[in-house]
């Protein structure tokens, strides 16, 4: 059985796999952006970082903020990523209980 077929037949595993990948993508993007900032290279747009957070990667973004000490002075990130996480958790709880 192929991995894709397995994932499609097991929605909770598919969802967890997606969340793992999107959080890893944002976490690594935060690290890459920090490295680019140090090297005066082209940066990752803030809109792209927020898009990854909205798509489910807010935990990875929060971890990236504190692990890489990146964007810690930007209130839009230090409050924005946790706010997105709270909204996503509330939406998930609402979906589960309706």
PDB file of N, CA and C in Angstrom:
ATOM      1  N   UNK A   1       0.850  -1.174   0.000  1.00  0.00           N
ATOM      2  CA  UNK A   1       0.000   0.000   0.000  1.00  0.00           C
ATOM      3  C   UNK A   1       0.898   1.241   0.000  1.00  0.00           C
ATOM      4  N   UNK A   2       0.584   2.163  -0.881  1.00  0.00           N
ATOM      5  CA  UNK A   2       1.393   3.366  -0.969  1.00  0.00           C
ATOM      6  C   UNK A   2       1.116   4.284   0.228  1.00  0.00           C
ATOM      7  N   UNK A   3       2.058   5.141   0.486  1.00  0.00           N
ATOM      8  CA  UNK A   3       1.928   6.077   1.602  1.00  0.00           C
ATOM      9  C   UNK A   3       0.733   6.993   1.386  1.00  0.00           C
ATOM     10  N   UNK A   4       0.561   7.475   0.168  1.00  0.00           N
ATOM     11  CA  UNK A   4      -0.564   8.370  -0.123  1.00  0.00           C
ATOM     12  C   UNK A   4      -1.899   7.668   0.098  1.00  0.00           C
ATOM     13  N   UNK A   5      -2.006   6.449  -0.352  1.00  0.00           N
ATOM     14  CA  UNK A   5      -3.246   5.695  -0.155  1.00  0.00           C
ATOM     15  C   UNK A   5      -3.521   5.508   1.337  1.00  0.00           C
ATOM     16  N   UNK A   6      -2.470   5.184   2.089  1.00  0.00           N
ATOM     17  CA  UNK A   6      -2.631   5.013   3.541  1.00  0.00           C
ATOM     18  C   UNK A   6      -3.120   6.303   4.183  1.00  0.00           C
ATOM     19  N   UNK A   7      -2.492   7.413   3.829  1.00  0.00           N
ATOM     20  CA  UNK A   7      -2.879   8.699   4.410  1.00  0.00           C
ATOM     21  C   UNK A   7      -4.314   9.067   4.071  1.00  0.00           C
ATOM     22  N   UNK A   8      -4.715   8.799   2.835  1.00  0.00           N
ATOM     23  CA  UNK A   8      -6.078   9.126   2.435  1.00  0.00           C
ATOM     24  C   UNK A   8      -7.107   8.247   3.135  1.00  0.00           C
ATOM     25  N   UNK A   9      -6.721   7.050   3.523  1.00  0.00           N
ATOM     26  CA  UNK A   9      -7.637   6.156   4.220  1.00  0.00           C
ATOM     27  C   UNK A   9      -7.659   6.406   5.727  1.00  0.00           C
ATOM     28  N   UNK A  10      -6.714   7.208   6.225  1.00  0.00           N
ATOM     29  CA  UNK A  10      -6.620   7.507   7.657  1.00  0.00           C
ATOM     30  C   UNK A  10      -6.530   9.019   7.848  1.00  0.00           C
ATOM     31  N   UNK A  11      -7.671   9.714   7.809  1.00  0.00           N
ATOM     32  CA  UNK A  11      -7.669  11.181   7.901  1.00  0.00           C
ATOM     33  C   UNK A  11      -6.930  11.763   9.111  1.00  0.00           C
ATOM     34  N   UNK A  12      -7.024  11.161  10.330  1.00  0.00           N
ATOM     35  CA  UNK A  12      -6.274  11.762  11.438  1.00  0.00           C
ATOM     36  C   UNK A  12      -4.761  11.737  11.202  1.00  0.00           C
ATOM     37  N   UNK A  13      -4.264  10.679  10.595  1.00  0.00           N
ATOM     38  CA  UNK A  13      -2.831  10.593  10.300  1.00  0.00           C
ATOM     39  C   UNK A  13      -2.464  11.617   9.235  1.00  0.00           C
ATOM     40  N   UNK A  14      -3.337  11.789   8.253  1.00  0.00           N
ATOM     41  CA  UNK A  14      -3.119  12.786   7.209  1.00  0.00           C
ATOM     42  C   UNK A  14      -3.059  14.188   7.808  1.00  0.00           C
ATOM     43  N   UNK A  15      -3.995  14.503   8.694  1.00  0.00           N
ATOM     44  CA  UNK A  15      -4.015  15.822   9.333  1.00  0.00           C
ATOM     45  C   UNK A  15      -2.760  16.051  10.169  1.00  0.00           C
ATOM     46  N   UNK A  16      -2.375  15.059  10.964  1.00  0.00           N
ATOM     47  CA  UNK A  16      -1.174  15.203  11.787  1.00  0.00           C
ATOM     48  C   UNK A  16       0.077  15.340  10.924  1.00  0.00           C
ATOM     49  N   UNK A  17       0.142  14.611   9.833  1.00  0.00           N
ATOM     50  CA  UNK A  17       1.284  14.714   8.916  1.00  0.00           C
ATOM     51  C   UNK A  17       1.358  16.115   8.312  1.00  0.00           C
ATOM     52  N   UNK A  18       0.196  16.616   7.896  1.00  0.00           N
ATOM     53  CA  UNK A  18       0.148  17.968   7.332  1.00  0.00           C
ATOM     54  C   UNK A  18       0.622  18.996   8.357  1.00  0.00           C
ATOM     55  N   UNK A  19       0.095  18.903   9.579  1.00  0.00           N
ATOM     56  CA  UNK A  19       0.465  19.874  10.612  1.00  0.00           C
ATOM     57  C   UNK A  19       1.950  19.793  10.948  1.00  0.00           C
ATOM     58  N   UNK A  20       2.494  18.596  10.973  1.00  0.00           N
ATOM     59  CA  UNK A  20       3.926  18.439  11.228  1.00  0.00           C
ATOM     60  C   UNK A  20       4.733  19.126  10.132  1.00  0.00           C
ATOM     61  N   UNK A  21       4.365  18.897   8.890  1.00  0.00           N
ATOM     62  CA  UNK A  21       5.109  19.480   7.772  1.00  0.00           C
ATOM     63  C   UNK A  21       4.983  20.996   7.714  1.00  0.00           C
ATOM     64  N   UNK A  22       3.792  21.542   7.920  1.00  0.00           N
ATOM     65  CA  UNK A  22       3.611  22.993   7.826  1.00  0.00           C
ATOM     66  C   UNK A  22       4.320  23.696   8.984  1.00  0.00           C
ATOM     67  N   UNK A  23       4.307  23.080  10.173  1.00  0.00           N
ATOM     68  CA  UNK A  23       5.021  23.671  11.302  1.00  0.00           C
ATOM     69  C   UNK A  23       6.525  23.593  11.098  1.00  0.00           C
ATOM     70  N   UNK A  24       7.005  22.493  10.550  1.00  0.00           N
ATOM     71  CA  UNK A  24       8.427  22.371  10.254  1.00  0.00           C
ATOM     72  C   UNK A  24       8.829  23.390   9.198  1.00  0.00           C
ATOM     73  N   UNK A  25       7.966  23.594   8.188  1.00  0.00           N
ATOM     74  CA  UNK A  25       8.260  24.570   7.134  1.00  0.00           C
ATOM     75  C   UNK A  25       8.402  25.975   7.710  1.00  0.00           C
ATOM     76  N   UNK A  26       7.493  26.372   8.611  1.00  0.00           N
ATOM     77  CA  UNK A  26       7.586  27.718   9.182  1.00  0.00           C
ATOM     78  C   UNK A  26       8.772  27.835  10.124  1.00  0.00           C
ATOM     79  N   UNK A  27       9.029  26.801  10.912  1.00  0.00           N
ATOM     80  CA  UNK A  27      10.177  26.814  11.816  1.00  0.00           C
ATOM     81  C   UNK A  27      11.470  27.001  11.018  1.00  0.00           C
ATOM     82  N   UNK A  28      11.644  26.209   9.962  1.00  0.00           N
ATOM     83  CA  UNK A  28      12.854  26.323   9.139  1.00  0.00           C
ATOM     84  C   UNK A  28      12.903  27.649   8.392  1.00  0.00           C
ATOM     85  N   UNK A  29      11.751  28.174   8.002  1.00  0.00           N
ATOM     86  CA  UNK A  29      11.713  29.478   7.334  1.00  0.00           C
ATOM     87  C   UNK A  29      12.166  30.586   8.276  1.00  0.00           C
ATOM     88  N   UNK A  30      11.782  30.480   9.541  1.00  0.00           N
ATOM     89  CA  UNK A  30      12.232  31.476  10.524  1.00  0.00           C
ATOM     90  C   UNK A  30      13.748  31.415  10.672  1.00  0.00           C
ATOM     91  N   UNK A  31      14.299  30.200  10.713  1.00  0.00           N
ATOM     92  CA  UNK A  31      15.751  30.050  10.812  1.00  0.00           C
ATOM     93  C   UNK A  31      16.461  30.564   9.578  1.00  0.00           C
ATOM     94  N   UNK A  32      15.908  30.268   8.413  1.00  0.00           N
ATOM     95  CA  UNK A  32      16.507  30.739   7.164  1.00  0.00           C
ATOM     96  C   UNK A  32      16.450  32.257   7.076  1.00  0.00           C
ATOM     97  N   UNK A  33      15.339  32.856   7.502  1.00  0.00           N
ATOM     98  CA  UNK A  33      15.214  34.308   7.452  1.00  0.00           C
ATOM     99  C   UNK A  33      16.209  34.961   8.407  1.00  0.00           C
ATOM    100  N   UNK A  34      16.415  34.359   9.554  1.00  0.00           N
ATOM    101  CA  UNK A  34      17.395  34.889  10.506  1.00  0.00           C
ATOM    102  C   UNK A  34      18.797  34.840   9.899  1.00  0.00           C
ATOM    103  N   UNK A  35      19.129  33.723   9.256  1.00  0.00           N
ATOM    104  CA  UNK A  35      20.445  33.599   8.621  1.00  0.00           C
ATOM    105  C   UNK A  35      20.605  34.621   7.499  1.00  0.00           C
ATOM    106  N   UNK A  36      19.542  34.835   6.728  1.00  0.00           N
ATOM    107  CA  UNK A  36      19.599  35.826   5.659  1.00  0.00           C
ATOM    108  C   UNK A  36      19.741  37.237   6.224  1.00  0.00           C
ATOM    109  N   UNK A  37      19.092  37.494   7.349  1.00  0.00           N
ATOM    110  CA  UNK A  37      19.193  38.820   7.968  1.00  0.00           C
ATOM    111  C   UNK A  37      20.632  39.093   8.413  1.00  0.00           C
ATOM    112  N   UNK A  38      21.275  38.092   8.950  1.00  0.00           N
ATOM    113  CA  UNK A  38      22.670  38.265   9.385  1.00  0.00           C
ATOM    114  C   UNK A  38      23.606  38.484   8.208  1.00  0.00           C
ATOM    115  N   UNK A  39      23.290  37.861   7.081  1.00  0.00           N
ATOM    116  CA  UNK A  39      24.163  37.956   5.921  1.00  0.00           C
ATOM    117  C   UNK A  39      23.794  39.051   4.945  1.00  0.00           C
ATOM    118  N   UNK A  40      22.871  39.926   5.344  1.00  0.00           N
ATOM    119  CA  UNK A  40      22.401  41.011   4.476  1.00  0.00           C
ATOM    120  C   UNK A  40      21.957  40.496   3.114  1.00  0.00           C
ATOM    121  N   UNK A  41      21.255  39.362   3.111  1.00  0.00           N
ATOM    122  CA  UNK A  41      20.740  38.778   1.878  1.00  0.00           C
ATOM    123  C   UNK A  41      19.239  39.042   1.778  1.00  0.00           C
ATOM    124  N   UNK A  42      18.693  38.658   0.644  1.00  0.00           N
ATOM    125  CA  UNK A  42      17.256  38.850   0.411  1.00  0.00           C
ATOM    126  C   UNK A  42      16.455  38.053   1.435  1.00  0.00           C
ATOM    127  N   UNK A  43      15.497  38.720   2.068  1.00  0.00           N
ATOM    128  CA  UNK A  43      14.732  38.144   3.167  1.00  0.00           C
ATOM    129  C   UNK A  43      13.467  37.460   2.694  1.00  0.00           C
ATOM    130  N   UNK A  44      12.920  36.622   3.573  1.00  0.00           N
ATOM    131  CA  UNK A  44      11.628  35.994   3.326  1.00  0.00           C
ATOM    132  C   UNK A  44      10.559  37.027   3.693  1.00  0.00           C
ATOM    133  N   UNK A  45       9.618  37.292   2.799  1.00  0.00           N
ATOM    134  CA  UNK A  45       8.587  38.298   3.103  1.00  0.00           C
ATOM    135  C   UNK A  45       7.782  37.925   4.351  1.00  0.00           C
ATOM    136  N   UNK A  46       7.475  38.930   5.162  1.00  0.00           N
ATOM    137  CA  UNK A  46       6.689  38.697   6.370  1.00  0.00           C
ATOM    138  C   UNK A  46       5.327  38.109   6.043  1.00  0.00           C
ATOM    139  N   UNK A  47       4.761  38.511   4.925  1.00  0.00           N
ATOM    140  CA  UNK A  47       3.452  37.977   4.516  1.00  0.00           C
ATOM    141  C   UNK A  47       3.525  36.467   4.315  1.00  0.00           C
ATOM    142  N   UNK A  48       4.630  35.971   3.788  1.00  0.00           N
ATOM    143  CA  UNK A  48       4.784  34.537   3.585  1.00  0.00           C
ATOM    144  C   UNK A  48       4.879  33.808   4.921  1.00  0.00           C
ATOM    145  N   UNK A  49       5.574  34.410   5.881  1.00  0.00           N
ATOM    146  CA  UNK A  49       5.673  33.798   7.208  1.00  0.00           C
ATOM    147  C   UNK A  49       4.296  33.733   7.866  1.00  0.00           C
ATOM    148  N   UNK A  50       3.533  34.806   7.733  1.00  0.00           N
ATOM    149  CA  UNK A  50       2.180  34.809   8.304  1.00  0.00           C
ATOM    150  C   UNK A  50       1.257  33.843   7.565  1.00  0.00           C
ATOM    151  N   UNK A  51       1.434  33.705   6.267  1.00  0.00           N
ATOM    152  CA  UNK A  51       0.616  32.752   5.518  1.00  0.00           C
ATOM    153  C   UNK A  51       0.857  31.324   6.020  1.00  0.00           C
ATOM    154  N   UNK A  52       2.112  30.973   6.241  1.00  0.00           N
ATOM    155  CA  UNK A  52       2.421  29.640   6.771  1.00  0.00           C
ATOM    156  C   UNK A  52       1.804  29.447   8.154  1.00  0.00           C
ATOM    157  N   UNK A  53       1.793  30.498   8.962  1.00  0.00           N
ATOM    158  CA  UNK A  53       1.176  30.408  10.290  1.00  0.00           C
ATOM    159  C   UNK A  53      -0.329  30.204  10.166  1.00  0.00           C
ATOM    160  N   UNK A  54      -0.967  30.940   9.278  1.00  0.00           N
ATOM    161  CA  UNK A  54      -2.414  30.829   9.086  1.00  0.00           C
ATOM    162  C   UNK A  54      -2.785  29.462   8.525  1.00  0.00           C
ATOM    163  N   UNK A  55      -1.907  28.879   7.742  1.00  0.00           N
ATOM    164  CA  UNK A  55      -2.162  27.554   7.168  1.00  0.00           C
ATOM    165  C   UNK A  55      -1.936  26.426   8.171  1.00  0.00           C
ATOM    166  N   UNK A  56      -1.624  26.777   9.415  1.00  0.00           N
ATOM    167  CA  UNK A  56      -1.502  25.760  10.462  1.00  0.00           C
ATOM    168  C   UNK A  56      -0.137  25.663  11.095  1.00  0.00           C
ATOM    169  N   UNK A  57       0.789  26.524  10.717  1.00  0.00           N
ATOM    170  CA  UNK A  57       2.150  26.416  11.224  1.00  0.00           C
ATOM    171  C   UNK A  57       2.492  27.335  12.368  1.00  0.00           C
ATOM    172  N   UNK A  58       1.495  27.812  13.099  1.00  0.00           N
ATOM    173  CA  UNK A  58       1.767  28.811  14.143  1.00  0.00           C
ATOM    174  C   UNK A  58       2.657  28.275  15.259  1.00  0.00           C
ATOM    175  N   UNK A  59       2.548  27.005  15.600  1.00  0.00           N
ATOM    176  CA  UNK A  59       3.416  26.449  16.652  1.00  0.00           C
ATOM    177  C   UNK A  59       4.873  26.467  16.191  1.00  0.00           C
ATOM    178  N   UNK A  60       5.110  26.108  14.941  1.00  0.00           N
ATOM    179  CA  UNK A  60       6.466  26.168  14.401  1.00  0.00           C
ATOM    180  C   UNK A  60       6.995  27.587  14.353  1.00  0.00           C
ATOM    181  N   UNK A  61       6.110  28.543  14.077  1.00  0.00           N
ATOM    182  CA  UNK A  61       6.521  29.946  14.069  1.00  0.00           C
ATOM    183  C   UNK A  61       6.889  30.445  15.452  1.00  0.00           C
ATOM    184  N   UNK A  62       6.093  30.064  16.429  1.00  0.00           N
ATOM    185  CA  UNK A  62       6.387  30.464  17.816  1.00  0.00           C
ATOM    186  C   UNK A  62       7.706  29.847  18.257  1.00  0.00           C
ATOM    187  N   UNK A  63       7.900  28.579  17.935  1.00  0.00           N
ATOM    188  CA  UNK A  63       9.164  27.911  18.283  1.00  0.00           C
ATOM    189  C   UNK A  63      10.335  28.592  17.582  1.00  0.00           C
ATOM    190  N   UNK A  64      10.135  28.993  16.324  1.00  0.00           N
ATOM    191  CA  UNK A  64      11.185  29.670  15.577  1.00  0.00           C
ATOM    192  C   UNK A  64      11.540  31.025  16.156  1.00  0.00           C
ATOM    193  N   UNK A  65      10.537  31.746  16.635  1.00  0.00           N
ATOM    194  CA  UNK A  65      10.788  33.052  17.243  1.00  0.00           C
ATOM    195  C   UNK A  65      11.762  32.907  18.420  1.00  0.00           C
ATOM    196  N   UNK A  66      11.489  31.947  19.275  1.00  0.00           N
ATOM    197  CA  UNK A  66      12.295  31.822  20.493  1.00  0.00           C
ATOM    198  C   UNK A  66      13.556  31.001  20.299  1.00  0.00           C
ATOM    199  N   UNK A  67      13.537  30.032  19.402  1.00  0.00           N
ATOM    200  CA  UNK A  67      14.732  29.228  19.157  1.00  0.00           C
ATOM    201  C   UNK A  67      15.809  30.039  18.440  1.00  0.00           C
ATOM    202  N   UNK A  68      15.399  30.793  17.425  1.00  0.00           N
ATOM    203  CA  UNK A  68      16.350  31.575  16.639  1.00  0.00           C
ATOM    204  C   UNK A  68      16.460  33.018  17.121  1.00  0.00           C
ATOM    205  N   UNK A  69      15.666  33.394  18.113  1.00  0.00           N
ATOM    206  CA  UNK A  69      15.609  34.780  18.598  1.00  0.00           C
ATOM    207  C   UNK A  69      15.417  35.739  17.430  1.00  0.00           C
ATOM    208  N   UNK A  70      14.411  35.401  16.635  1.00  0.00           N
ATOM    209  CA  UNK A  70      14.147  36.142  15.414  1.00  0.00           C
ATOM    210  C   UNK A  70      12.752  36.750  15.474  1.00  0.00           C
ATOM    211  N   UNK A  71      12.655  37.998  15.142  1.00  0.00           N
ATOM    212  CA  UNK A  71      11.398  38.752  15.138  1.00  0.00           C
ATOM    213  C   UNK A  71      10.861  38.960  16.554  1.00  0.00           C
ATOM    214  N   UNK A  72      11.707  38.892  17.553  1.00  0.00           N
ATOM    215  CA  UNK A  72      11.256  39.043  18.937  1.00  0.00           C
ATOM    216  C   UNK A  72      10.851  40.478  19.260  1.00  0.00           C
ATOM    217  N   UNK A  73      11.336  41.437  18.502  1.00  0.00           N
ATOM    218  CA  UNK A  73      10.980  42.835  18.750  1.00  0.00           C
ATOM    219  C   UNK A  73       9.775  43.281  17.931  1.00  0.00           C
ATOM    220  N   UNK A  74       9.271  42.398  17.095  1.00  0.00           N
ATOM    221  CA  UNK A  74       8.105  42.712  16.262  1.00  0.00           C
ATOM    222  C   UNK A  74       6.852  42.212  16.968  1.00  0.00           C
ATOM    223  N   UNK A  75       6.057  43.143  17.469  1.00  0.00           N
ATOM    224  CA  UNK A  75       4.815  42.768  18.176  1.00  0.00           C
ATOM    225  C   UNK A  75       3.876  41.982  17.261  1.00  0.00           C
ATOM    226  N   UNK A  76       3.919  42.285  15.971  1.00  0.00           N
ATOM    227  CA  UNK A  76       3.028  41.563  15.052  1.00  0.00           C
ATOM    228  C   UNK A  76       3.335  40.071  15.039  1.00  0.00           C
ATOM    229  N   UNK A  77       4.575  39.699  15.322  1.00  0.00           N
ATOM    230  CA  UNK A  77       4.935  38.285  15.372  1.00  0.00           C
ATOM    231  C   UNK A  77       4.768  37.709  16.774  1.00  0.00           C
ATOM    232  N   UNK A  78       5.253  38.424  17.798  1.00  0.00           N
ATOM    233  CA  UNK A  78       5.193  37.881  19.157  1.00  0.00           C
ATOM    234  C   UNK A  78       3.767  37.772  19.677  1.00  0.00           C
ATOM    235  N   UNK A  79       2.870  38.604  19.165  1.00  0.00           N
ATOM    236  CA  UNK A  79       1.463  38.490  19.531  1.00  0.00           C
ATOM    237  C   UNK A  79       0.646  37.829  18.418  1.00  0.00           C
ATOM    238  N   UNK A  80       1.075  38.039  17.171  1.00  0.00           N
ATOM    239  CA  UNK A  80       0.328  37.530  16.033  1.00  0.00           C
ATOM    240  C   UNK A  80       0.323  36.015  15.931  1.00  0.00           C
ATOM    241  N   UNK A  81       1.496  35.390  16.039  1.00  0.00           N
ATOM    242  CA  UNK A  81       1.549  33.925  15.944  1.00  0.00           C
ATOM    243  C   UNK A  81       0.749  33.263  17.059  1.00  0.00           C
ATOM    244  N   UNK A  82       0.893  33.680  18.321  1.00  0.00           N
ATOM    245  CA  UNK A  82       0.045  33.077  19.362  1.00  0.00           C
ATOM    246  C   UNK A  82      -1.447  33.345  19.141  1.00  0.00           C
ATOM    247  N   UNK A  83      -1.798  34.525  18.641  1.00  0.00           N
ATOM    248  CA  UNK A  83      -3.210  34.825  18.378  1.00  0.00           C
ATOM    249  C   UNK A  83      -3.754  33.897  17.289  1.00  0.00           C
ATOM    250  N   UNK A  84      -2.955  33.656  16.263  1.00  0.00           N
ATOM    251  CA  UNK A  84      -3.367  32.729  15.209  1.00  0.00           C
ATOM    252  C   UNK A  84      -3.550  31.331  15.787  1.00  0.00           C
ATOM    253  N   UNK A  85      -2.638  30.919  16.665  1.00  0.00           N
ATOM    254  CA  UNK A  85      -2.751  29.600  17.292  1.00  0.00           C
ATOM    255  C   UNK A  85      -4.038  29.486  18.109  1.00  0.00           C
ATOM    256  N   UNK A  86      -4.358  30.500  18.897  1.00  0.00           N
ATOM    257  CA  UNK A  86      -5.578  30.478  19.700  1.00  0.00           C
ATOM    258  C   UNK A  86      -6.802  30.398  18.797  1.00  0.00           C
ATOM    259  N   UNK A  87      -6.796  31.173  17.723  1.00  0.00           N
ATOM    260  CA  UNK A  87      -7.917  31.134  16.774  1.00  0.00           C
ATOM    261  C   UNK A  87      -8.050  29.744  16.154  1.00  0.00           C
ATOM    262  N   UNK A  88      -6.936  29.142  15.745  1.00  0.00           N
ATOM    263  CA  UNK A  88      -6.978  27.814  15.131  1.00  0.00           C
ATOM    264  C   UNK A  88      -7.465  26.757  16.114  1.00  0.00           C
ATOM    265  N   UNK A  89      -7.018  26.843  17.365  1.00  0.00           N
ATOM    266  CA  UNK A  89      -7.475  25.888  18.374  1.00  0.00           C
ATOM    267  C   UNK A  89      -8.965  26.056  18.655  1.00  0.00           C
ATOM    268  N   UNK A  90      -9.420  27.291  18.703  1.00  0.00           N
ATOM    269  CA  UNK A  90     -10.839  27.548  18.921  1.00  0.00           C
ATOM    270  C   UNK A  90     -11.672  27.027  17.748  1.00  0.00           C
ATOM    271  N   UNK A  91     -11.189  27.250  16.543  1.00  0.00           N
ATOM    272  CA  UNK A  91     -11.893  26.761  15.356  1.00  0.00           C
ATOM    273  C   UNK A  91     -11.940  25.229  15.355  1.00  0.00           C
ATOM    274  N   UNK A  92     -10.828  24.582  15.724  1.00  0.00           N
ATOM    275  CA  UNK A  92     -10.794  23.116  15.780  1.00  0.00           C
ATOM    276  C   UNK A  92     -11.750  22.587  16.821  1.00  0.00           C
ATOM    277  N   UNK A  93     -11.798  23.236  17.993  1.00  0.00           N
ATOM    278  CA  UNK A  93     -12.714  22.806  19.046  1.00  0.00           C
ATOM    279  C   UNK A  93     -14.162  22.983  18.603  1.00  0.00           C
ATOM    280  N   UNK A  94     -14.439  24.095  17.932  1.00  0.00           N
ATOM    281  CA  UNK A  94     -15.792  24.349  17.443  1.00  0.00           C
ATOM    282  C   UNK A  94     -16.213  23.286  16.418  1.00  0.00           C
ATOM    283  N   UNK A  95     -15.304  22.951  15.529  1.00  0.00           N
ATOM    284  CA  UNK A  95     -15.591  21.932  14.512  1.00  0.00           C
ATOM    285  C   UNK A  95     -15.829  20.570  15.174  1.00  0.00           C
ATOM    286  N   UNK A  96     -15.036  20.247  16.171  1.00  0.00           N
ATOM    287  CA  UNK A  96     -15.154  18.940  16.824  1.00  0.00           C
ATOM    288  C   UNK A  96     -16.455  18.799  17.594  1.00  0.00           C
ATOM    289  N   UNK A  97     -16.942  19.881  18.157  1.00  0.00           N
ATOM    290  CA  UNK A  97     -18.114  19.794  19.016  1.00  0.00           C
ATOM    291  C   UNK A  97     -19.418  20.158  18.330  1.00  0.00           C
ATOM    292  N   UNK A  98     -19.347  20.446  17.040  1.00  0.00           N
ATOM    293  CA  UNK A  98     -20.598  20.750  16.304  1.00  0.00           C
ATOM    294  C   UNK A  98     -21.023  19.515  15.549  1.00  0.00           C
TER     295      UNK A  98
END
